[in-house]
Amino acid sequence: MAAMISSAPMAVPATALNGAQFGNASLYVGDLDANVIESQLFDLFSQVAQVVSIRVCRDQTRRTSLGYAYVNFANVQDAAIAMEHLNFTPLNGKPIRIMFSHRDPSIRKSGFANVFIKNLDASVDNKALYDTFAAFGNVLSSKVQVDENGQSKGYGFVQFDNDESAQNAIKKLNGMLINDKKVYVGLFVRRQERAPGNDGSPKFTNVYVKNLSETYTEEDLKQLFSTYGTITSVVVMKDAEGKSRCFGFVNFESADSAATAVERLNGTTINDDKVLYVGRAQRKAEREAELKAKFEQEKRNKFDKLQGANLYLKNFDDSFNDEKLKEIFSVFGTTTSCKVMMDALGRSKGCGFVAFSTPEEATRASSRL
């Protein structure tokens, strides 16, 4: 059984390693086509470095892809090499977007060295934005905001690993032409919470949204509202059968962001026919959103704890089944699942997954087989 694919040594890019200080040996892979699966990502990333585990994040109810994944490596150097060589590589026809996974959300939420760009030409994509700003320093991430059809909204964000690079980019590019359009480039600064209005209305951070379509997901809701500030939780309410009740809640970090979202989005049309109602959530709704946020945090904590506990295997004999995998790998620790991937006719694809109860057990198995 060949469970490992070796590759020739590659030089570790210094700029990529500088970015590693904000993450670890785990990469966030975004902008994935909905049909991309773990084995495709493994085949791509294992060409340049040894992959420890991969997870495509999916909707809890429908099990459909959320459009992003995490790829874990044995060390930061391998992760840096993979990001340097594979960022913006097309997969199922869509360029993927790679950045180091930020375990500490305070870096992302702070807006540190984050640059806002608007009036972008429709032809400017994530890679073009990255290539333009990389001349001024190490870019941690670049993102052009797009609508539900994948078309540019004309603005985007670039985050550097230091403030000096961000300031230099602003100084050199603000007011310049990019693809024949004069762009605005400035530091992305989050608004401070505003005081209660003169009418005595209280501050609020939780927003109630109704008249959503049945297919509208929490990820859709997050993308719609994230323009207006940092979001701490998002929930679309569902019935006992898991179907959308067509309303939900978005909780912001600041009251100013919540108020701006209400002002800008209330009465707007989405999906060509749905007119949104967006307003301040009542206390009961706030409690529901808090419970949802707590539940989501527990899920994230569980995922972080188990990162690296999954192994992807390939090139084994057709005679292998789930029980055979369990028999081989159980000597290294407690296996929580063993799965051989099958085709439509029930024949082995020669690949599969083994999940252990701890990352240490998975590492032990990977090093000995």
Protein backbone atom coordinates (compact mmCIF):
# COMPACT_ATOMS: atom_id res chain seq x y z
CA MET A 1 0.00 0.00 0.00
CA ALA A 2 1.43 3.41 -0.99
CA ALA A 3 0.02 6.04 1.31
CA MET A 4 2.67 8.67 0.71
CA ILE A 5 3.91 10.53 -2.38
CA SER A 6 7.34 12.14 -2.20
CA SER A 7 8.39 15.25 -4.10
CA ALA A 8 11.70 16.92 -4.91
CA PRO A 9 12.88 19.51 -2.33
CA MET A 10 11.86 23.08 -3.08
CA ALA A 11 13.30 26.33 -1.79
CA VAL A 12 11.20 27.90 0.94
CA PRO A 13 10.04 31.37 -0.19
CA ALA A 14 11.05 34.01 2.34
CA THR A 15 7.91 36.07 1.82
CA ALA A 16 5.69 33.06 2.43
CA LEU A 17 7.53 32.25 5.66
CA ASN A 18 7.03 35.82 6.83
CA GLY A 19 3.32 35.22 6.46
CA ALA A 20 3.56 32.04 8.50
CA GLN A 21 3.98 34.04 11.70
CA PHE A 22 0.25 34.77 11.48
CA GLY A 23 -0.74 31.14 11.08
CA ASN A 24 0.68 27.67 11.46
CA ALA A 25 1.11 24.65 9.23
CA SER A 26 -2.53 24.87 8.16
CA LEU A 27 -3.70 26.60 4.98
CA TYR A 28 -7.13 28.05 4.30
CA VAL A 29 -8.21 27.28 0.71
CA GLY A 30 -11.13 29.40 -0.48
CA ASP A 31 -13.16 30.11 -3.61
CA LEU A 32 -13.63 26.38 -4.21
CA ASP A 33 -16.03 25.04 -6.80
CA ALA A 34 -18.97 23.34 -5.08
CA ASN A 35 -17.96 19.92 -6.45
CA VAL A 36 -14.33 19.93 -5.26
CA ILE A 37 -13.66 17.04 -2.84
CA GLU A 38 -10.79 16.12 -0.51
CA SER A 39 -9.11 13.72 -2.93
CA GLN A 40 -8.80 16.43 -5.60
CA LEU A 41 -7.16 18.78 -3.13
CA PHE A 42 -4.82 16.02 -1.99
CA ASP A 43 -3.78 15.25 -5.57
CA LEU A 44 -3.00 18.94 -6.11
CA PHE A 45 -1.21 19.81 -2.87
CA SER A 46 0.75 16.57 -2.52
CA GLN A 47 2.61 17.46 -5.73
CA VAL A 48 4.62 20.10 -3.84
CA ALA A 49 4.61 19.01 -0.17
CA GLN A 50 3.57 16.22 2.18
CA VAL A 51 -0.06 16.60 3.22
CA VAL A 52 -1.13 15.45 6.68
CA SER A 53 -4.89 15.96 6.38
CA ILE A 54 -7.56 17.78 4.37
CA ARG A 55 -11.09 18.84 5.17
CA VAL A 56 -13.64 20.46 2.86
CA CYS A 57 -16.06 22.34 5.12
CA ARG A 58 -19.69 21.48 4.49
CA ASP A 59 -23.17 22.61 5.45
CA GLN A 60 -24.21 20.66 8.53
CA THR A 61 -27.65 19.76 7.19
CA ARG A 62 -27.28 19.37 3.43
CA ARG A 63 -23.58 18.34 3.49
CA THR A 64 -22.93 20.62 0.52
CA SER A 65 -19.58 22.38 0.26
CA LEU A 66 -19.28 25.84 1.82
CA GLY A 67 -16.64 26.74 -0.75
CA TYR A 68 -13.56 26.49 1.44
CA ALA A 69 -11.27 23.89 2.99
CA TYR A 70 -8.31 23.45 5.32
CA VAL A 71 -5.14 21.66 4.21
CA ASN A 72 -2.77 20.67 7.02
CA PHE A 73 0.96 20.02 6.67
CA ALA A 74 3.63 18.59 8.94
CA ASN A 75 5.48 21.93 9.20
CA VAL A 76 5.24 25.61 8.31
CA GLN A 77 7.85 25.32 5.55
CA ASP A 78 5.74 22.82 3.59
CA ALA A 79 2.65 25.00 4.00
CA ALA A 80 4.58 28.05 2.76
CA ILE A 81 5.85 26.18 -0.31
CA ALA A 82 2.33 24.98 -1.15
CA MET A 83 0.90 28.48 -0.86
CA GLU A 84 3.68 29.99 -2.97
CA HIS A 85 3.35 27.49 -5.81
CA LEU A 86 -0.40 26.76 -5.84
CA ASN A 87 -2.16 30.03 -4.99
CA PHE A 88 -4.72 30.89 -7.72
CA THR A 89 -4.35 27.50 -9.42
CA PRO A 90 -7.57 26.63 -11.31
CA LEU A 91 -9.48 23.67 -9.87
CA ASN A 92 -12.68 22.62 -11.67
CA GLY A 93 -12.27 25.81 -13.68
CA LYS A 94 -12.10 28.17 -10.66
CA PRO A 95 -8.86 29.70 -9.33
CA ILE A 96 -8.43 28.77 -5.67
CA ARG A 97 -7.37 31.36 -3.07
CA ILE A 98 -4.86 30.27 -0.40
CA MET A 99 -3.80 31.92 2.84
CA PHE A 100 -2.45 30.77 6.18
CA SER A 101 -5.19 29.71 8.57
CA HIS A 102 -5.48 32.30 11.34
CA ARG A 103 -6.05 30.47 14.61
CA ASP A 104 -6.15 33.82 16.43
CA PRO A 105 -9.18 35.73 15.02
CA SER A 106 -8.02 38.98 16.65
CA ILE A 107 -5.56 39.55 13.79
CA ARG A 108 -8.29 39.34 11.16
CA LYS A 109 -10.85 41.26 13.22
CA SER A 110 -8.44 44.08 14.04
CA GLY A 111 -8.07 45.08 10.39
CA PHE A 112 -4.29 45.20 10.90
CA ALA A 113 -2.48 46.33 7.71
CA ASN A 114 -5.71 45.80 5.75
CA VAL A 115 -6.19 47.93 2.64
CA PHE A 116 -9.54 48.74 1.01
CA ILE A 117 -9.70 49.25 -2.78
CA LYS A 118 -12.72 50.48 -4.71
CA ASN A 119 -13.65 51.42 -8.30
CA LEU A 120 -11.96 48.28 -9.60
CA ASP A 121 -12.46 47.28 -13.21
CA ALA A 122 -14.59 44.15 -13.63
CA SER A 123 -11.61 42.31 -15.14
CA VAL A 124 -9.53 42.57 -11.94
CA ASP A 125 -9.67 39.26 -10.07
CA ASN A 126 -8.02 37.98 -6.88
CA LYS A 127 -4.74 37.13 -8.62
CA ALA A 128 -4.53 40.47 -10.42
CA LEU A 129 -5.13 42.24 -7.13
CA TYR A 130 -2.45 40.11 -5.45
CA ASP A 131 0.09 40.71 -8.23
CA THR A 132 -0.50 44.48 -8.09
CA PHE A 133 -0.04 44.81 -4.32
CA ALA A 134 2.69 42.18 -3.83
CA ALA A 135 5.21 44.73 -5.09
CA PHE A 136 4.85 46.60 -1.78
CA GLY A 137 5.32 43.73 0.66
CA ASN A 138 4.17 40.29 1.75
CA VAL A 139 0.45 39.87 1.01
CA LEU A 140 -1.40 37.60 3.44
CA SER A 141 -4.65 37.64 1.46
CA SER A 142 -6.31 39.39 -1.46
CA LYS A 143 -10.02 39.30 -2.21
CA VAL A 144 -12.26 40.95 -4.79
CA GLN A 145 -15.86 40.95 -3.56
CA VAL A 146 -18.25 39.28 -6.02
CA ASP A 147 -22.02 38.93 -6.32
CA GLU A 148 -24.04 35.70 -6.41
CA ASN A 149 -23.15 35.28 -10.10
CA GLY A 150 -19.42 35.57 -9.46
CA GLN A 151 -19.21 39.07 -10.97
CA SER A 152 -16.99 41.69 -9.33
CA LYS A 153 -18.70 44.29 -7.15
CA GLY A 154 -15.90 46.73 -7.93
CA TYR A 155 -14.11 46.66 -4.60
CA GLY A 156 -11.83 44.42 -2.60
CA PHE A 157 -9.35 44.03 0.25
CA VAL A 158 -5.64 43.27 0.57
CA GLN A 159 -4.02 42.42 3.90
CA PHE A 160 -0.26 42.76 4.43
CA ASP A 161 1.87 41.33 7.22
CA ASN A 162 2.96 44.81 8.35
CA ASP A 163 1.56 48.32 8.43
CA GLU A 164 4.49 49.88 6.56
CA SER A 165 3.74 47.84 3.45
CA ALA A 166 0.06 48.81 3.63
CA GLN A 167 0.93 52.51 3.93
CA ASN A 168 3.38 52.32 1.00
CA ALA A 169 0.75 50.66 -1.18
CA ILE A 170 -1.77 53.36 -0.30
CA LYS A 171 0.75 56.14 -1.01
CA LYS A 172 1.75 54.75 -4.41
CA LEU A 173 -1.55 53.38 -5.73
CA ASN A 174 -4.29 55.71 -4.47
CA GLY A 175 -5.60 57.65 -7.46
CA MET A 176 -3.65 55.56 -9.96
CA LEU A 177 -5.11 53.72 -12.96
CA ILE A 178 -5.59 49.95 -12.76
CA ASN A 179 -6.88 48.55 -16.06
CA ASP A 180 -7.71 52.10 -17.16
CA LYS A 181 -9.84 52.88 -14.10
CA LYS A 182 -8.80 55.34 -11.38
CA VAL A 183 -8.96 53.51 -8.07
CA TYR A 184 -9.30 54.59 -4.47
CA VAL A 185 -6.88 52.86 -2.10
CA GLY A 186 -7.04 53.49 1.63
CA LEU A 187 -6.54 51.86 5.00
CA PHE A 188 -9.55 49.79 6.05
CA VAL A 189 -10.60 51.23 9.41
CA ARG A 190 -13.56 49.84 11.31
CA ARG A 191 -16.04 52.41 12.56
CA GLN A 192 -16.27 53.01 16.29
CA GLU A 193 -19.57 52.29 17.97
CA ARG A 194 -21.82 55.32 17.74
CA ALA A 195 -23.56 56.79 20.75
CA PRO A 196 -27.31 56.49 21.20
CA GLY A 197 -29.24 58.85 18.96
CA ASN A 198 -30.82 62.08 20.05
CA ASP A 199 -34.13 60.28 20.24
CA GLY A 200 -32.74 58.08 23.00
CA SER A 201 -32.73 54.93 20.82
CA PRO A 202 -30.38 52.30 22.23
CA LYS A 203 -27.32 50.90 20.50
CA PHE A 204 -27.67 47.41 19.05
CA THR A 205 -25.42 44.88 17.34
CA ASN A 206 -27.91 42.16 16.41
CA VAL A 207 -29.85 42.52 13.14
CA TYR A 208 -33.04 40.70 12.18
CA VAL A 209 -33.45 39.75 8.50
CA LYS A 210 -36.62 38.33 6.94
CA ASN A 211 -38.06 37.48 3.51
CA LEU A 212 -35.08 35.34 2.57
CA SER A 213 -35.46 32.72 -0.14
CA GLU A 214 -35.59 29.07 0.97
CA THR A 215 -32.22 28.39 -0.65
CA TYR A 216 -30.45 31.29 1.06
CA THR A 217 -27.71 29.90 3.33
CA GLU A 218 -25.87 31.27 6.35
CA GLU A 219 -22.79 31.71 4.15
CA ASP A 220 -24.88 33.79 1.70
CA LEU A 221 -26.14 35.92 4.59
CA LYS A 222 -22.61 36.40 5.90
CA GLN A 223 -21.31 37.48 2.50
CA LEU A 224 -24.15 39.96 2.10
CA PHE A 225 -23.60 41.64 5.47
CA SER A 226 -19.81 41.35 5.86
CA THR A 227 -19.29 44.52 3.80
CA TYR A 228 -20.50 46.60 6.74
CA GLY A 229 -18.22 45.29 9.49
CA THR A 230 -16.99 42.34 11.51
CA ILE A 231 -19.65 39.66 12.04
CA THR A 232 -19.55 37.55 15.20
CA SER A 233 -22.38 35.16 14.33
CA VAL A 234 -24.89 34.37 11.57
CA VAL A 235 -27.92 32.11 11.72
CA VAL A 236 -30.74 31.20 9.32
CA MET A 237 -33.63 29.76 11.32
CA LYS A 238 -34.89 26.31 10.28
CA ASP A 239 -37.90 24.15 11.06
CA ALA A 240 -37.88 20.64 12.52
CA GLU A 241 -37.19 19.16 9.06
CA GLY A 242 -34.16 21.38 8.50
CA LYS A 243 -35.90 23.67 5.97
CA SER A 244 -35.30 27.41 6.07
CA ARG A 245 -37.96 29.52 7.78
CA CYS A 246 -36.81 32.38 5.53
CA PHE A 247 -35.54 34.63 8.31
CA GLY A 248 -32.39 34.91 10.35
CA PHE A 249 -30.06 37.03 12.45
CA VAL A 250 -26.68 38.69 11.93
CA ASN A 251 -24.71 39.84 14.95
CA PHE A 252 -22.00 42.47 14.45
CA GLU A 253 -19.00 43.31 16.59
CA SER A 254 -19.99 47.00 16.69
CA ALA A 255 -23.28 48.86 16.90
CA ASP A 256 -22.15 51.22 14.15
CA SER A 257 -21.78 48.32 11.72
CA ALA A 258 -25.22 46.98 12.63
CA ALA A 259 -26.87 50.38 12.15
CA THR A 260 -25.15 50.87 8.79
CA ALA A 261 -26.27 47.44 7.60
CA VAL A 262 -29.88 48.22 8.52
CA GLU A 263 -29.69 51.58 6.74
CA ARG A 264 -28.14 50.20 3.55
CA LEU A 265 -29.93 46.86 3.19
CA ASN A 266 -33.48 47.37 4.43
CA GLY A 267 -35.80 47.33 1.40
CA THR A 268 -33.15 46.10 -1.03
CA THR A 269 -33.85 43.28 -3.49
CA ILE A 270 -31.96 39.99 -3.61
CA ASN A 271 -32.34 37.05 -5.99
CA ASP A 272 -34.20 39.46 -8.33
CA ASP A 273 -37.50 39.16 -6.46
CA LYS A 274 -37.03 39.11 -2.68
CA VAL A 275 -37.32 42.48 -0.92
CA LEU A 276 -35.52 42.25 2.41
CA TYR A 277 -36.70 43.58 5.72
CA VAL A 278 -33.67 44.39 7.88
CA GLY A 279 -34.09 45.83 11.36
CA ARG A 280 -33.01 45.67 14.97
CA ALA A 281 -33.46 42.22 16.53
CA GLN A 282 -35.47 41.90 19.73
CA ARG A 283 -34.06 40.43 22.93
CA LYS A 284 -35.46 36.94 22.35
CA ALA A 285 -33.80 36.84 18.97
CA GLU A 286 -30.53 38.01 20.51
CA ARG A 287 -30.60 35.08 22.89
CA GLU A 288 -31.21 32.69 19.99
CA ALA A 289 -28.29 34.17 18.08
CA GLU A 290 -26.03 33.92 21.13
CA LEU A 291 -26.92 30.25 21.55
CA LYS A 292 -26.21 29.69 17.87
CA ALA A 293 -22.87 31.47 18.18
CA LYS A 294 -21.97 29.37 21.23
CA PHE A 295 -22.85 26.19 19.36
CA GLU A 296 -20.79 27.25 16.35
CA GLN A 297 -17.83 28.08 18.61
CA GLU A 298 -18.03 24.65 20.20
CA LYS A 299 -17.98 23.09 16.72
CA ARG A 300 -14.95 25.18 15.76
CA ASN A 301 -13.17 24.23 18.99
CA LYS A 302 -13.86 20.57 18.30
CA PHE A 303 -12.56 20.92 14.75
CA ASP A 304 -9.39 22.70 15.94
CA LYS A 305 -8.80 19.94 18.47
CA LEU A 306 -9.09 17.23 15.82
CA GLN A 307 -7.13 18.98 13.07
CA GLY A 308 -4.44 16.62 11.87
CA ALA A 309 -6.26 13.52 13.14
CA ASN A 310 -7.39 12.49 9.64
CA LEU A 311 -5.27 10.69 7.06
CA TYR A 312 -5.90 10.45 3.32
CA LEU A 313 -4.69 7.23 1.71
CA LYS A 314 -4.33 6.26 -1.94
CA ASN A 315 -2.90 3.63 -4.29
CA PHE A 316 -3.97 0.63 -2.22
CA ASP A 317 -5.21 -2.69 -3.59
CA ASP A 318 -8.81 -3.14 -4.79
CA SER A 319 -9.30 -5.84 -2.19
CA PHE A 320 -9.12 -3.30 0.65
CA ASN A 321 -12.37 -2.52 2.42
CA ASP A 322 -13.31 -0.50 5.53
CA GLU A 323 -12.60 -3.42 7.85
CA LYS A 324 -9.17 -4.03 6.32
CA LEU A 325 -8.21 -0.39 6.83
CA LYS A 326 -9.38 -0.58 10.43
CA GLU A 327 -7.36 -3.75 11.01
CA ILE A 328 -4.18 -2.13 9.68
CA PHE A 329 -4.46 1.25 11.38
CA SER A 330 -6.00 0.31 14.75
CA VAL A 331 -2.54 -0.76 16.00
CA PHE A 332 -1.54 2.92 16.02
CA GLY A 333 -4.46 4.17 18.13
CA THR A 334 -8.22 4.53 18.31
CA THR A 335 -9.77 4.88 14.85
CA THR A 336 -13.04 6.81 14.81
CA SER A 337 -13.77 6.04 11.16
CA CYS A 338 -12.26 4.10 8.23
CA LYS A 339 -13.66 4.62 4.76
CA VAL A 340 -12.69 3.25 1.34
CA MET A 341 -14.02 5.48 -1.46
CA MET A 342 -16.24 3.65 -3.97
CA ASP A 343 -17.36 4.48 -7.50
CA ALA A 344 -20.95 4.36 -8.77
CA LEU A 345 -20.65 0.60 -9.34
CA GLY A 346 -19.45 -0.11 -5.83
CA ARG A 347 -15.83 -0.69 -6.83
CA SER A 348 -12.93 0.64 -4.79
CA LYS A 349 -11.26 3.80 -6.12
CA GLY A 350 -8.02 2.78 -4.41
CA CYS A 351 -8.20 5.68 -1.95
CA GLY A 352 -9.85 6.45 1.36
CA PHE A 353 -9.69 8.10 4.77
CA VAL A 354 -8.79 7.01 8.29
CA ALA A 355 -9.67 9.25 11.25
CA PHE A 356 -8.00 8.85 14.66
CA SER A 357 -9.11 10.14 18.03
CA THR A 358 -5.99 12.33 18.33
CA PRO A 359 -3.54 14.00 15.91
CA GLU A 360 -0.66 12.19 17.66
CA GLU A 361 -2.06 8.81 16.66
CA ALA A 362 -2.45 9.95 13.05
CA THR A 363 1.13 11.23 12.99
CA ARG A 364 2.39 7.93 14.39
CA ALA A 365 0.56 5.96 11.69
CA SER A 366 1.74 8.29 8.92
CA SER A 367 5.38 8.00 9.97
CA ARG A 368 5.38 4.20 10.18
CA LEU A 369 3.53 3.27 6.99
